[in-house]
PDB file of N, CA and C in Angstrom:
ATOM      1  N   MET A   1       2.258   2.307 -14.837  1.00  0.00           N
ATOM      2  CA  MET A   1       1.352   2.505 -15.734  1.00  0.00           C
ATOM      3  C   MET A   1       1.248   4.186 -16.211  1.00  0.00           C
ATOM      4  N   THR A   2       0.644   4.490 -17.586  1.00  0.00           N
ATOM      5  CA  THR A   2       0.806   6.090 -17.917  1.00  0.00           C
ATOM      6  C   THR A   2      -0.715   6.425 -17.676  1.00  0.00           C
ATOM      7  N   PHE A   3      -1.024   7.750 -17.244  1.00  0.00           N
ATOM      8  CA  PHE A   3      -2.393   7.982 -17.187  1.00  0.00           C
ATOM      9  C   PHE A   3      -3.356   7.884 -18.204  1.00  0.00           C
ATOM     10  N   GLY A   4      -3.127   7.540 -19.425  1.00  0.00           N
ATOM     11  CA  GLY A   4      -3.908   7.203 -20.356  1.00  0.00           C
ATOM     12  C   GLY A   4      -4.514   5.874 -20.140  1.00  0.00           C
ATOM     13  N   GLU A   5      -3.171   4.897 -19.712  1.00  0.00           N
ATOM     14  CA  GLU A   5      -3.573   3.463 -19.460  1.00  0.00           C
ATOM     15  C   GLU A   5      -4.720   3.467 -18.508  1.00  0.00           C
ATOM     16  N   MET A   6      -4.306   3.949 -17.440  1.00  0.00           N
ATOM     17  CA  MET A   6      -5.017   4.381 -16.237  1.00  0.00           C
ATOM     18  C   MET A   6      -6.381   4.391 -16.280  1.00  0.00           C
ATOM     19  N   VAL A   7      -6.621   5.525 -17.058  1.00  0.00           N
ATOM     20  CA  VAL A   7      -8.025   6.417 -17.630  1.00  0.00           C
ATOM     21  C   VAL A   7      -8.522   4.943 -18.871  1.00  0.00           C
ATOM     22  N   GLU A   8      -7.879   4.278 -19.384  1.00  0.00           N
ATOM     23  CA  GLU A   8      -8.518   3.488 -20.081  1.00  0.00           C
ATOM     24  C   GLU A   8      -9.344   2.301 -19.404  1.00  0.00           C
ATOM     25  N   VAL A   9      -8.131   1.783 -18.564  1.00  0.00           N
ATOM     26  CA  VAL A   9      -8.357   0.440 -17.759  1.00  0.00           C
ATOM     27  C   VAL A   9      -9.801   0.930 -17.235  1.00  0.00           C
ATOM     28  N   LEU A  10      -9.552   2.057 -16.435  1.00  0.00           N
ATOM     29  CA  LEU A  10     -10.720   2.408 -15.255  1.00  0.00           C
ATOM     30  C   LEU A  10     -12.015   2.439 -16.058  1.00  0.00           C
ATOM     31  N   GLY A  11     -11.929   3.067 -17.310  1.00  0.00           N
ATOM     32  CA  GLY A  11     -13.258   3.144 -17.735  1.00  0.00           C
ATOM     33  C   GLY A  11     -13.799   1.667 -18.108  1.00  0.00           C
ATOM     34  N   LYS A  12     -12.851   0.688 -18.522  1.00  0.00           N
ATOM     35  CA  LYS A  12     -13.510  -0.774 -18.837  1.00  0.00           C
ATOM     36  C   LYS A  12     -13.902  -1.370 -17.098  1.00  0.00           C
ATOM     37  N   ASN A  13     -13.397  -0.789 -16.276  1.00  0.00           N
ATOM     38  CA  ASN A  13     -13.728  -1.806 -14.872  1.00  0.00           C
ATOM     39  C   ASN A  13     -15.023  -0.981 -14.517  1.00  0.00           C
ATOM     40  N   LEU A  14     -15.495   0.222 -15.012  1.00  0.00           N
ATOM     41  CA  LEU A  14     -16.827   0.728 -14.664  1.00  0.00           C
ATOM     42  C   LEU A  14     -17.524   0.451 -15.799  1.00  0.00           C
ATOM     43  N   GLY A  15     -17.241   0.047 -16.526  1.00  0.00           N
ATOM     44  CA  GLY A  15     -18.379  -0.349 -17.817  1.00  0.00           C
ATOM     45  C   GLY A  15     -18.579   0.758 -18.856  1.00  0.00           C
ATOM     46  N   ILE A  16     -17.810   1.806 -18.691  1.00  0.00           N
ATOM     47  CA  ILE A  16     -18.023   3.310 -19.870  1.00  0.00           C
ATOM     48  C   ILE A  16     -16.816   3.567 -20.424  1.00  0.00           C
ATOM     49  N   GLU A  17     -17.292   4.582 -21.346  1.00  0.00           N
ATOM     50  CA  GLU A  17     -15.849   4.884 -22.164  1.00  0.00           C
ATOM     51  C   GLU A  17     -15.687   6.060 -21.272  1.00  0.00           C
ATOM     52  N   LEU A  18     -14.047   6.203 -21.531  1.00  0.00           N
ATOM     53  CA  LEU A  18     -13.171   7.266 -20.806  1.00  0.00           C
ATOM     54  C   LEU A  18     -12.367   7.462 -21.732  1.00  0.00           C
ATOM     55  N   THR A  19     -11.997   8.933 -21.757  1.00  0.00           N
ATOM     56  CA  THR A  19     -11.108   8.851 -22.760  1.00  0.00           C
ATOM     57  C   THR A  19      -9.700   9.725 -21.934  1.00  0.00           C
ATOM     58  N   ASP A  20      -8.909  10.270 -22.380  1.00  0.00           N
ATOM     59  CA  ASP A  20      -7.795  11.063 -21.496  1.00  0.00           C
ATOM     60  C   ASP A  20      -7.950  12.107 -22.636  1.00  0.00           C
ATOM     61  N   GLU A  21      -8.386  13.014 -22.127  1.00  0.00           N
ATOM     62  CA  GLU A  21      -8.823  14.600 -22.701  1.00  0.00           C
ATOM     63  C   GLU A  21      -7.328  15.204 -22.854  1.00  0.00           C
ATOM     64  N   GLY A  22      -6.309  15.133 -23.032  1.00  0.00           N
ATOM     65  CA  GLY A  22      -5.341  16.013 -22.785  1.00  0.00           C
ATOM     66  C   GLY A  22      -5.122  16.178 -21.151  1.00  0.00           C
ATOM     67  N   GLY A  23      -5.005  14.990 -20.867  1.00  0.00           N
ATOM     68  CA  GLY A  23      -4.276  15.041 -19.226  1.00  0.00           C
ATOM     69  C   GLY A  23      -4.904  15.274 -18.491  1.00  0.00           C
ATOM     70  N   ALA A  24      -6.707  14.830 -18.802  1.00  0.00           N
ATOM     71  CA  ALA A  24      -7.665  15.046 -17.701  1.00  0.00           C
ATOM     72  C   ALA A  24      -9.052  14.269 -18.212  1.00  0.00           C
ATOM     73  N   THR A  25      -9.319  13.714 -17.237  1.00  0.00           N
ATOM     74  CA  THR A  25     -10.655  13.024 -17.677  1.00  0.00           C
ATOM     75  C   THR A  25     -11.803  13.198 -16.482  1.00  0.00           C
ATOM     76  N   ALA A  26     -12.990  13.293 -16.624  1.00  0.00           N
ATOM     77  CA  ALA A  26     -13.928  13.406 -15.635  1.00  0.00           C
ATOM     78  C   ALA A  26     -14.675  11.696 -15.267  1.00  0.00           C
ATOM     79  N   VAL A  27     -15.119  11.533 -14.362  1.00  0.00           N
ATOM     80  CA  VAL A  27     -15.879  10.342 -14.278  1.00  0.00           C
ATOM     81  C   VAL A  27     -17.074  10.380 -13.031  1.00  0.00           C
ATOM     82  N   GLU A  28     -18.626   9.880 -13.151  1.00  0.00           N
ATOM     83  CA  GLU A  28     -19.172   9.799 -11.811  1.00  0.00           C
ATOM     84  C   GLU A  28     -19.152   8.691 -11.341  1.00  0.00           C
ATOM     85  N   ILE A  29     -18.537   8.562  -9.809  1.00  0.00           N
ATOM     86  CA  ILE A  29     -18.607   7.812  -8.923  1.00  0.00           C
ATOM     87  C   ILE A  29     -19.508   7.777  -8.023  1.00  0.00           C
ATOM     88  N   ASP A  30     -20.823   6.446  -7.807  1.00  0.00           N
ATOM     89  CA  ASP A  30     -21.648   6.777  -7.304  1.00  0.00           C
ATOM     90  C   ASP A  30     -22.592   8.325  -6.853  1.00  0.00           C
ATOM     91  N   GLY A  31     -22.707   8.935  -8.250  1.00  0.00           N
ATOM     92  CA  GLY A  31     -23.290  10.075  -8.323  1.00  0.00           C
ATOM     93  C   GLY A  31     -22.051  11.024  -8.068  1.00  0.00           C
ATOM     94  N   ILE A  32     -21.206  10.999  -7.927  1.00  0.00           N
ATOM     95  CA  ILE A  32     -20.176  11.968  -7.335  1.00  0.00           C
ATOM     96  C   ILE A  32     -19.179  12.143  -8.518  1.00  0.00           C
ATOM     97  N   PRO A  33     -19.578  13.727  -9.310  1.00  0.00           N
ATOM     98  CA  PRO A  33     -18.438  14.052 -10.367  1.00  0.00           C
ATOM     99  C   PRO A  33     -16.857  13.846  -9.961  1.00  0.00           C
ATOM    100  N   VAL A  34     -16.325  13.165  -9.926  1.00  0.00           N
ATOM    101  CA  VAL A  34     -14.709  13.264 -10.183  1.00  0.00           C
ATOM    102  C   VAL A  34     -13.927  13.672 -11.003  1.00  0.00           C
ATOM    103  N   VAL A  35     -13.142  14.460 -10.963  1.00  0.00           N
ATOM    104  CA  VAL A  35     -11.924  14.768 -12.190  1.00  0.00           C
ATOM    105  C   VAL A  35     -10.390  13.949 -11.706  1.00  0.00           C
ATOM    106  N   LEU A  36      -9.800  13.652 -13.157  1.00  0.00           N
ATOM    107  CA  LEU A  36      -8.651  13.480 -12.600  1.00  0.00           C
ATOM    108  C   LEU A  36      -7.900  14.351 -13.852  1.00  0.00           C
ATOM    109  N   HIS A  37      -6.474  14.380 -13.052  1.00  0.00           N
ATOM    110  CA  HIS A  37      -5.600  15.153 -14.025  1.00  0.00           C
ATOM    111  C   HIS A  37      -4.290  14.489 -13.835  1.00  0.00           C
ATOM    112  N   ALA A  38      -3.646  14.547 -15.195  1.00  0.00           N
ATOM    113  CA  ALA A  38      -2.211  14.000 -15.072  1.00  0.00           C
ATOM    114  C   ALA A  38      -1.465  14.764 -14.583  1.00  0.00           C
ATOM    115  N   ALA A  39      -0.390  14.511 -13.278  1.00  0.00           N
ATOM    116  CA  ALA A  39       0.390  15.855 -12.577  1.00  0.00           C
ATOM    117  C   ALA A  39       1.642  15.376 -12.983  1.00  0.00           C
ATOM    118  N   GLY A  40       2.361  15.740 -14.169  1.00  0.00           N
ATOM    119  CA  GLY A  40       3.437  15.340 -14.617  1.00  0.00           C
ATOM    120  C   GLY A  40       3.311  13.701 -15.321  1.00  0.00           C
ATOM    121  N   GLU A  41       4.560  13.158 -15.203  1.00  0.00           N
ATOM    122  CA  GLU A  41       4.499  11.723 -15.755  1.00  0.00           C
ATOM    123  C   GLU A  41       4.306  10.499 -15.121  1.00  0.00           C
ATOM    124  N   ASP A  42       4.222  11.246 -13.510  1.00  0.00           N
ATOM    125  CA  ASP A  42       4.310   9.777 -12.641  1.00  0.00           C
ATOM    126  C   ASP A  42       3.449   9.953 -11.708  1.00  0.00           C
ATOM    127  N   LEU A  43       2.432  11.289 -11.731  1.00  0.00           N
ATOM    128  CA  LEU A  43       1.198  11.493 -10.576  1.00  0.00           C
ATOM    129  C   LEU A  43       0.197  11.414 -11.524  1.00  0.00           C
ATOM    130  N   VAL A  44      -1.276  11.157 -10.747  1.00  0.00           N
ATOM    131  CA  VAL A  44      -2.181  11.763 -11.090  1.00  0.00           C
ATOM    132  C   VAL A  44      -2.971  12.188  -9.531  1.00  0.00           C
ATOM    133  N   LEU A  45      -3.747  13.578 -10.013  1.00  0.00           N
ATOM    134  CA  LEU A  45      -4.633  14.436  -9.166  1.00  0.00           C
ATOM    135  C   LEU A  45      -5.806  13.981  -9.147  1.00  0.00           C
ATOM    136  N   VAL A  46      -6.594  13.572  -8.228  1.00  0.00           N
ATOM    137  CA  VAL A  46      -7.845  12.984  -8.383  1.00  0.00           C
ATOM    138  C   VAL A  46      -8.712  14.468  -7.419  1.00  0.00           C
ATOM    139  N   HIS A  47      -9.771  14.742  -7.756  1.00  0.00           N
ATOM    140  CA  HIS A  47     -10.356  16.030  -7.448  1.00  0.00           C
ATOM    141  C   HIS A  47     -11.820  16.348  -7.612  1.00  0.00           C
ATOM    142  N   ALA A  48     -12.581  16.918  -6.453  1.00  0.00           N
ATOM    143  CA  ALA A  48     -13.834  17.041  -6.617  1.00  0.00           C
ATOM    144  C   ALA A  48     -13.736  18.325  -5.874  1.00  0.00           C
ATOM    145  N   ASP A  49     -15.018  19.099  -6.359  1.00  0.00           N
ATOM    146  CA  ASP A  49     -15.596  20.221  -5.783  1.00  0.00           C
ATOM    147  C   ASP A  49     -16.551  20.114  -5.100  1.00  0.00           C
ATOM    148  N   LEU A  50     -16.259  20.334  -3.681  1.00  0.00           N
ATOM    149  CA  LEU A  50     -17.443  20.068  -2.734  1.00  0.00           C
ATOM    150  C   LEU A  50     -18.497  21.365  -2.438  1.00  0.00           C
ATOM    151  N   GLY A  51     -18.447  22.387  -3.196  1.00  0.00           N
ATOM    152  CA  GLY A  51     -19.218  23.386  -3.327  1.00  0.00           C
ATOM    153  C   GLY A  51     -19.108  24.621  -2.660  1.00  0.00           C
ATOM    154  N   GLU A  52     -19.926  25.435  -2.567  1.00  0.00           N
ATOM    155  CA  GLU A  52     -19.712  26.925  -1.754  1.00  0.00           C
ATOM    156  C   GLU A  52     -19.977  26.696  -0.481  1.00  0.00           C
ATOM    157  N   ILE A  53     -19.022  27.598   0.200  1.00  0.00           N
ATOM    158  CA  ILE A  53     -19.150  27.842   1.771  1.00  0.00           C
ATOM    159  C   ILE A  53     -20.124  28.477   1.963  1.00  0.00           C
ATOM    160  N   ALA A  54     -21.327  28.478   3.023  1.00  0.00           N
ATOM    161  CA  ALA A  54     -22.152  29.511   3.193  1.00  0.00           C
ATOM    162  C   ALA A  54     -21.228  30.407   4.432  1.00  0.00           C
ATOM    163  N   PRO A  55     -21.596  31.965   4.023  1.00  0.00           N
ATOM    164  CA  PRO A  55     -20.769  32.656   4.627  1.00  0.00           C
ATOM    165  C   PRO A  55     -20.957  32.700   6.352  1.00  0.00           C
ATOM    166  N   GLU A  56     -22.168  31.956   6.730  1.00  0.00           N
ATOM    167  CA  GLU A  56     -22.222  32.217   8.182  1.00  0.00           C
ATOM    168  C   GLU A  56     -21.621  30.845   8.474  1.00  0.00           C
ATOM    169  N   ASN A  57     -21.302  29.691   8.121  1.00  0.00           N
ATOM    170  CA  ASN A  57     -20.626  28.577   8.234  1.00  0.00           C
ATOM    171  C   ASN A  57     -19.225  28.677   8.146  1.00  0.00           C
ATOM    172  N   ARG A  58     -18.431  29.593   7.484  1.00  0.00           N
ATOM    173  CA  ARG A  58     -17.492  29.315   6.796  1.00  0.00           C
ATOM    174  C   ARG A  58     -15.985  29.671   7.859  1.00  0.00           C
ATOM    175  N   ASP A  59     -16.251  29.846   8.954  1.00  0.00           N
ATOM    176  CA  ASP A  59     -15.265  29.577  10.172  1.00  0.00           C
ATOM    177  C   ASP A  59     -15.369  28.599  10.522  1.00  0.00           C
ATOM    178  N   ARG A  60     -16.533  27.900  10.981  1.00  0.00           N
ATOM    179  CA  ARG A  60     -17.140  26.545  11.440  1.00  0.00           C
ATOM    180  C   ARG A  60     -16.422  25.160  10.289  1.00  0.00           C
ATOM    181  N   VAL A  61     -16.218  25.638   8.964  1.00  0.00           N
ATOM    182  CA  VAL A  61     -16.248  24.727   7.640  1.00  0.00           C
ATOM    183  C   VAL A  61     -14.303  24.506   7.977  1.00  0.00           C
ATOM    184  N   LEU A  62     -14.282  25.973   7.470  1.00  0.00           N
ATOM    185  CA  LEU A  62     -12.662  25.972   7.487  1.00  0.00           C
ATOM    186  C   LEU A  62     -11.925  25.671   8.691  1.00  0.00           C
ATOM    187  N   ALA A  63     -12.298  25.484   9.747  1.00  0.00           N
ATOM    188  CA  ALA A  63     -11.689  24.846  10.891  1.00  0.00           C
ATOM    189  C   ALA A  63     -11.843  23.041  11.050  1.00  0.00           C
ATOM    190  N   ALA A  64     -13.091  23.034  10.660  1.00  0.00           N
ATOM    191  CA  ALA A  64     -13.233  21.372  10.142  1.00  0.00           C
ATOM    192  C   ALA A  64     -12.449  20.930   9.562  1.00  0.00           C
ATOM    193  N   ALA A  65     -12.019  21.694   8.524  1.00  0.00           N
ATOM    194  CA  ALA A  65     -11.356  20.866   7.262  1.00  0.00           C
ATOM    195  C   ALA A  65      -9.908  21.016   7.716  1.00  0.00           C
ATOM    196  N   MET A  66      -9.601  22.075   8.411  1.00  0.00           N
ATOM    197  CA  MET A  66      -8.249  22.217   8.918  1.00  0.00           C
ATOM    198  C   MET A  66      -7.883  20.860   9.669  1.00  0.00           C
ATOM    199  N   GLU A  67      -8.847  20.414  10.651  1.00  0.00           N
ATOM    200  CA  GLU A  67      -8.760  19.384  11.515  1.00  0.00           C
ATOM    201  C   GLU A  67      -8.618  18.111  10.841  1.00  0.00           C
ATOM    202  N   ALA A  68      -9.502  17.991   9.865  1.00  0.00           N
ATOM    203  CA  ALA A  68      -9.731  16.628   8.332  1.00  0.00           C
ATOM    204  C   ALA A  68      -8.347  16.635   8.364  1.00  0.00           C
ATOM    205  N   ASN A  69      -7.807  17.676   7.781  1.00  0.00           N
ATOM    206  CA  ASN A  69      -6.467  17.737   7.203  1.00  0.00           C
ATOM    207  C   ASN A  69      -5.331  16.970   8.201  1.00  0.00           C
ATOM    208  N   PHE A  70      -5.494  17.012   9.203  1.00  0.00           N
ATOM    209  CA  PHE A  70      -4.581  16.869  10.189  1.00  0.00           C
ATOM    210  C   PHE A  70      -4.219  15.142  10.141  1.00  0.00           C
ATOM    211  N   LEU A  71      -3.079  14.929   9.935  1.00  0.00           N
ATOM    212  CA  LEU A  71      -2.859  13.217   9.544  1.00  0.00           C
ATOM    213  C   LEU A  71      -3.853  12.762   8.410  1.00  0.00           C
ATOM    214  N   TYR A  72      -4.303  13.463   7.700  1.00  0.00           N
ATOM    215  CA  TYR A  72      -5.439  12.892   7.054  1.00  0.00           C
ATOM    216  C   TYR A  72      -6.558  12.033   7.830  1.00  0.00           C
ATOM    217  N   GLN A  73      -6.875  12.124   8.905  1.00  0.00           N
ATOM    218  CA  GLN A  73      -7.770  11.602   9.622  1.00  0.00           C
ATOM    219  C   GLN A  73      -9.111  11.762   9.290  1.00  0.00           C
ATOM    220  N   GLY A  74      -9.707  12.624   8.787  1.00  0.00           N
ATOM    221  CA  GLY A  74     -10.992  13.030   8.315  1.00  0.00           C
ATOM    222  C   GLY A  74     -11.222  13.167   6.411  1.00  0.00           C
ATOM    223  N   THR A  75      -9.968  12.891   5.923  1.00  0.00           N
ATOM    224  CA  THR A  75     -10.102  13.050   4.626  1.00  0.00           C
ATOM    225  C   THR A  75      -9.544  11.808   3.801  1.00  0.00           C
ATOM    226  N   GLY A  76      -9.344  10.388   4.321  1.00  0.00           N
ATOM    227  CA  GLY A  76      -9.167   9.593   3.806  1.00  0.00           C
ATOM    228  C   GLY A  76      -7.384   9.789   2.824  1.00  0.00           C
ATOM    229  N   GLY A  77      -6.624  10.630   2.896  1.00  0.00           N
ATOM    230  CA  GLY A  77      -5.488  10.299   2.524  1.00  0.00           C
ATOM    231  C   GLY A  77      -5.523  11.565   1.740  1.00  0.00           C
ATOM    232  N   ALA A  78      -6.440  12.041   1.458  1.00  0.00           N
ATOM    233  CA  ALA A  78      -6.877  13.295   0.657  1.00  0.00           C
ATOM    234  C   ALA A  78      -6.352  14.836   1.494  1.00  0.00           C
ATOM    235  N   THR A  79      -6.524  15.897   0.756  1.00  0.00           N
ATOM    236  CA  THR A  79      -6.591  17.095   1.770  1.00  0.00           C
ATOM    237  C   THR A  79      -7.507  17.957   1.122  1.00  0.00           C
ATOM    238  N   LEU A  80      -8.401  18.882   1.907  1.00  0.00           N
ATOM    239  CA  LEU A  80      -9.114  19.338   1.809  1.00  0.00           C
ATOM    240  C   LEU A  80      -8.934  20.805   1.557  1.00  0.00           C
ATOM    241  N   ALA A  81      -9.110  21.863   0.538  1.00  0.00           N
ATOM    242  CA  ALA A  81      -8.607  23.271   0.207  1.00  0.00           C
ATOM    243  C   ALA A  81      -9.574  23.978  -0.371  1.00  0.00           C
ATOM    244  N   VAL A  82      -9.404  25.547  -0.336  1.00  0.00           N
ATOM    245  CA  VAL A  82     -10.311  26.671  -0.715  1.00  0.00           C
ATOM    246  C   VAL A  82      -9.386  26.894  -1.845  1.00  0.00           C
ATOM    247  N   ASP A  83     -10.894  26.988  -3.106  1.00  0.00           N
ATOM    248  CA  ASP A  83      -9.891  27.505  -4.252  1.00  0.00           C
ATOM    249  C   ASP A  83     -10.076  29.124  -4.360  1.00  0.00           C
ATOM    250  N   PRO A  84      -9.109  29.389  -4.204  1.00  0.00           N
ATOM    251  CA  PRO A  84      -8.853  30.989  -3.856  1.00  0.00           C
ATOM    252  C   PRO A  84      -9.490  31.877  -4.973  1.00  0.00           C
ATOM    253  N   ARG A  85      -9.460  31.481  -6.309  1.00  0.00           N
ATOM    254  CA  ARG A  85     -10.515  32.264  -7.021  1.00  0.00           C
ATOM    255  C   ARG A  85     -11.752  32.182  -6.768  1.00  0.00           C
ATOM    256  N   ASN A  86     -12.724  31.367  -6.019  1.00  0.00           N
ATOM    257  CA  ASN A  86     -13.984  31.365  -5.838  1.00  0.00           C
ATOM    258  C   ASN A  86     -14.460  31.390  -4.587  1.00  0.00           C
ATOM    259  N   GLY A  87     -13.481  30.632  -3.706  1.00  0.00           N
ATOM    260  CA  GLY A  87     -13.759  30.538  -2.082  1.00  0.00           C
ATOM    261  C   GLY A  87     -14.217  29.285  -2.011  1.00  0.00           C
ATOM    262  N   ARG A  88     -14.570  28.230  -3.175  1.00  0.00           N
ATOM    263  CA  ARG A  88     -15.558  26.481  -3.137  1.00  0.00           C
ATOM    264  C   ARG A  88     -14.472  25.741  -2.414  1.00  0.00           C
ATOM    265  N   LEU A  89     -14.463  24.944  -1.859  1.00  0.00           N
ATOM    266  CA  LEU A  89     -14.438  23.791  -1.013  1.00  0.00           C
ATOM    267  C   LEU A  89     -14.200  22.608  -1.735  1.00  0.00           C
ATOM    268  N   HIS A  90     -12.885  22.270  -1.876  1.00  0.00           N
ATOM    269  CA  HIS A  90     -12.515  21.009  -2.844  1.00  0.00           C
ATOM    270  C   HIS A  90     -12.106  19.923  -2.051  1.00  0.00           C
ATOM    271  N   LEU A  91     -11.802  18.706  -2.833  1.00  0.00           N
ATOM    272  CA  LEU A  91     -10.976  17.602  -2.337  1.00  0.00           C
ATOM    273  C   LEU A  91      -9.804  17.432  -2.906  1.00  0.00           C
ATOM    274  N   GLN A  92      -9.035  17.063  -3.112  1.00  0.00           N
ATOM    275  CA  GLN A  92      -7.849  16.295  -3.692  1.00  0.00           C
ATOM    276  C   GLN A  92      -7.113  15.540  -3.188  1.00  0.00           C
ATOM    277  N   LYS A  93      -6.385  14.609  -4.272  1.00  0.00           N
ATOM    278  CA  LYS A  93      -5.399  13.656  -3.682  1.00  0.00           C
ATOM    279  C   LYS A  93      -4.773  13.064  -4.457  1.00  0.00           C
ATOM    280  N   TYR A  94      -3.355  13.212  -4.586  1.00  0.00           N
ATOM    281  CA  TYR A  94      -2.366  12.917  -5.564  1.00  0.00           C
ATOM    282  C   TYR A  94      -2.272  11.377  -5.034  1.00  0.00           C
ATOM    283  N   ASN A  95      -1.828  10.481  -6.604  1.00  0.00           N
ATOM    284  CA  ASN A  95      -1.444   9.049  -6.256  1.00  0.00           C
ATOM    285  C   ASN A  95      -0.242   9.028  -7.399  1.00  0.00           C
ATOM    286  N   TRP A  96       0.591   8.348  -6.893  1.00  0.00           N
ATOM    287  CA  TRP A  96       1.800   7.714  -7.770  1.00  0.00           C
ATOM    288  C   TRP A  96       1.155   6.933  -8.949  1.00  0.00           C
ATOM    289  N   LEU A  97       0.969   6.900 -10.113  1.00  0.00           N
ATOM    290  CA  LEU A  97       0.834   6.112 -11.231  1.00  0.00           C
ATOM    291  C   LEU A  97       1.512   4.551 -11.215  1.00  0.00           C
ATOM    292  N   ALA A  98       2.526   4.452 -10.484  1.00  0.00           N
ATOM    293  CA  ALA A  98       3.488   3.408 -10.789  1.00  0.00           C
ATOM    294  C   ALA A  98       2.654   2.321  -9.601  1.00  0.00           C
ATOM    295  N   ARG A  99       2.140   2.672  -8.402  1.00  0.00           N
ATOM    296  CA  ARG A  99       1.534   2.391  -7.350  1.00  0.00           C
ATOM    297  C   ARG A  99      -0.218   1.868  -7.476  1.00  0.00           C
ATOM    298  N   LEU A 100      -0.797   2.367  -8.834  1.00  0.00           N
ATOM    299  CA  LEU A 100      -2.039   2.041  -8.937  1.00  0.00           C
ATOM    300  C   LEU A 100      -1.851   0.638 -10.190  1.00  0.00           C
ATOM    301  N   ASP A 101      -2.662  -0.301  -9.775  1.00  0.00           N
ATOM    302  CA  ASP A 101      -3.043  -1.358 -10.640  1.00  0.00           C
ATOM    303  C   ASP A 101      -4.616  -0.961 -11.010  1.00  0.00           C
ATOM    304  N   PRO A 102      -5.247  -1.766 -11.707  1.00  0.00           N
ATOM    305  CA  PRO A 102      -6.510  -1.397 -12.253  1.00  0.00           C
ATOM    306  C   PRO A 102      -7.470  -1.464 -11.260  1.00  0.00           C
ATOM    307  N   GLU A 103      -7.448  -2.755 -10.004  1.00  0.00           N
ATOM    308  CA  GLU A 103      -8.033  -2.511  -9.156  1.00  0.00           C
ATOM    309  C   GLU A 103      -7.996  -1.597  -8.489  1.00  0.00           C
ATOM    310  N   LYS A 104      -6.971  -1.292  -7.801  1.00  0.00           N
ATOM    311  CA  LYS A 104      -6.417  -0.403  -6.636  1.00  0.00           C
ATOM    312  C   LYS A 104      -7.188   1.043  -7.191  1.00  0.00           C
ATOM    313  N   ALA A 105      -7.229   1.287  -8.591  1.00  0.00           N
ATOM    314  CA  ALA A 105      -7.456   2.618  -9.081  1.00  0.00           C
ATOM    315  C   ALA A 105      -9.156   2.564  -8.838  1.00  0.00           C
ATOM    316  N   LEU A 106      -9.716   1.915  -9.015  1.00  0.00           N
ATOM    317  CA  LEU A 106     -10.927   1.927  -8.853  1.00  0.00           C
ATOM    318  C   LEU A 106     -11.480   2.171  -7.472  1.00  0.00           C
ATOM    319  N   MET A 107     -10.909   1.186  -6.405  1.00  0.00           N
ATOM    320  CA  MET A 107     -11.097   1.123  -5.444  1.00  0.00           C
ATOM    321  C   MET A 107     -10.797   2.546  -4.557  1.00  0.00           C
ATOM    322  N   ASP A 108      -9.742   3.097  -4.915  1.00  0.00           N
ATOM    323  CA  ASP A 108      -9.344   4.215  -4.508  1.00  0.00           C
ATOM    324  C   ASP A 108     -10.182   5.583  -5.109  1.00  0.00           C
ATOM    325  N   LEU A 109     -10.430   5.583  -6.272  1.00  0.00           N
ATOM    326  CA  LEU A 109     -11.761   6.423  -6.706  1.00  0.00           C
ATOM    327  C   LEU A 109     -12.604   6.310  -5.664  1.00  0.00           C
ATOM    328  N   THR A 110     -13.329   4.880  -5.777  1.00  0.00           N
ATOM    329  CA  THR A 110     -14.675   4.377  -4.649  1.00  0.00           C
ATOM    330  C   THR A 110     -14.274   5.626  -3.482  1.00  0.00           C
ATOM    331  N   ARG A 111     -13.280   4.732  -2.934  1.00  0.00           N
ATOM    332  CA  ARG A 111     -13.150   5.640  -1.269  1.00  0.00           C
ATOM    333  C   ARG A 111     -13.117   7.158  -1.375  1.00  0.00           C
ATOM    334  N   PHE A 112     -12.577   7.579  -2.515  1.00  0.00           N
ATOM    335  CA  PHE A 112     -12.248   9.252  -2.508  1.00  0.00           C
ATOM    336  C   PHE A 112     -13.858   9.751  -2.547  1.00  0.00           C
ATOM    337  N   ALA A 113     -14.741   8.942  -3.727  1.00  0.00           N
ATOM    338  CA  ALA A 113     -16.283   9.663  -3.889  1.00  0.00           C
ATOM    339  C   ALA A 113     -16.868   9.500  -2.362  1.00  0.00           C
ATOM    340  N   ASP A 114     -16.439   8.122  -1.720  1.00  0.00           N
ATOM    341  CA  ASP A 114     -17.418   8.429  -0.187  1.00  0.00           C
ATOM    342  C   ASP A 114     -16.694   9.502   0.621  1.00  0.00           C
ATOM    343  N   THR A 115     -15.588   9.698   0.364  1.00  0.00           N
ATOM    344  CA  THR A 115     -15.029  11.089   1.418  1.00  0.00           C
ATOM    345  C   THR A 115     -15.703  12.368   0.719  1.00  0.00           C
ATOM    346  N   VAL A 116     -15.439  12.368  -0.642  1.00  0.00           N
ATOM    347  CA  VAL A 116     -16.577  13.613  -0.957  1.00  0.00           C
ATOM    348  C   VAL A 116     -18.239  13.550  -0.451  1.00  0.00           C
ATOM    349  N   GLN A 117     -18.708  12.256  -0.642  1.00  0.00           N
ATOM    350  CA  GLN A 117     -20.169  12.619  -0.154  1.00  0.00           C
ATOM    351  C   GLN A 117     -20.150  12.723   1.384  1.00  0.00           C
ATOM    352  N   THR A 118     -19.188  12.150   2.346  1.00  0.00           N
ATOM    353  CA  THR A 118     -19.204  12.874   3.436  1.00  0.00           C
ATOM    354  C   THR A 118     -19.075  14.020   3.845  1.00  0.00           C
ATOM    355  N   TRP A 119     -18.180  15.257   3.415  1.00  0.00           N
ATOM    356  CA  TRP A 119     -18.120  16.330   3.125  1.00  0.00           C
ATOM    357  C   TRP A 119     -19.228  16.979   2.784  1.00  0.00           C
ATOM    358  N   LYS A 120     -20.020  16.557   1.463  1.00  0.00           N
ATOM    359  CA  LYS A 120     -21.277  17.558   0.954  1.00  0.00           C
ATOM    360  C   LYS A 120     -22.434  16.978   1.633  1.00  0.00           C
ATOM    361  N   GLY A 121     -22.292  15.813   2.537  1.00  0.00           N
ATOM    362  CA  GLY A 121     -23.500  15.642   3.545  1.00  0.00           C
ATOM    363  C   GLY A 121     -24.396  16.636   4.109  1.00  0.00           C
TER     364      GLY A 121
END
């Protein structure tokens, strides 16, 4: 499956029109904005901005993120990271397009949105 095909099928499964805008698209899953990027010919990067880290909580949030990244135990297979440009916390996950069938892509996105919600909570 190509990135464009995945976007088209995902849109159909969600009942909305999604288009591949030059290797990227955005969708809202359960109220959570998620961006999908083509990452080469065979990968998709799923990404969400979790927001600013309050200065008074920065050490605690970063320590929790590092612990959650260990063996992906608190991230559902995704990775937490800080954007070096603005210091915002992000969740991101790569997936092989060849491993995604339309049903699995939607299920994976839903789980990703659930993880985002947990960290935004």
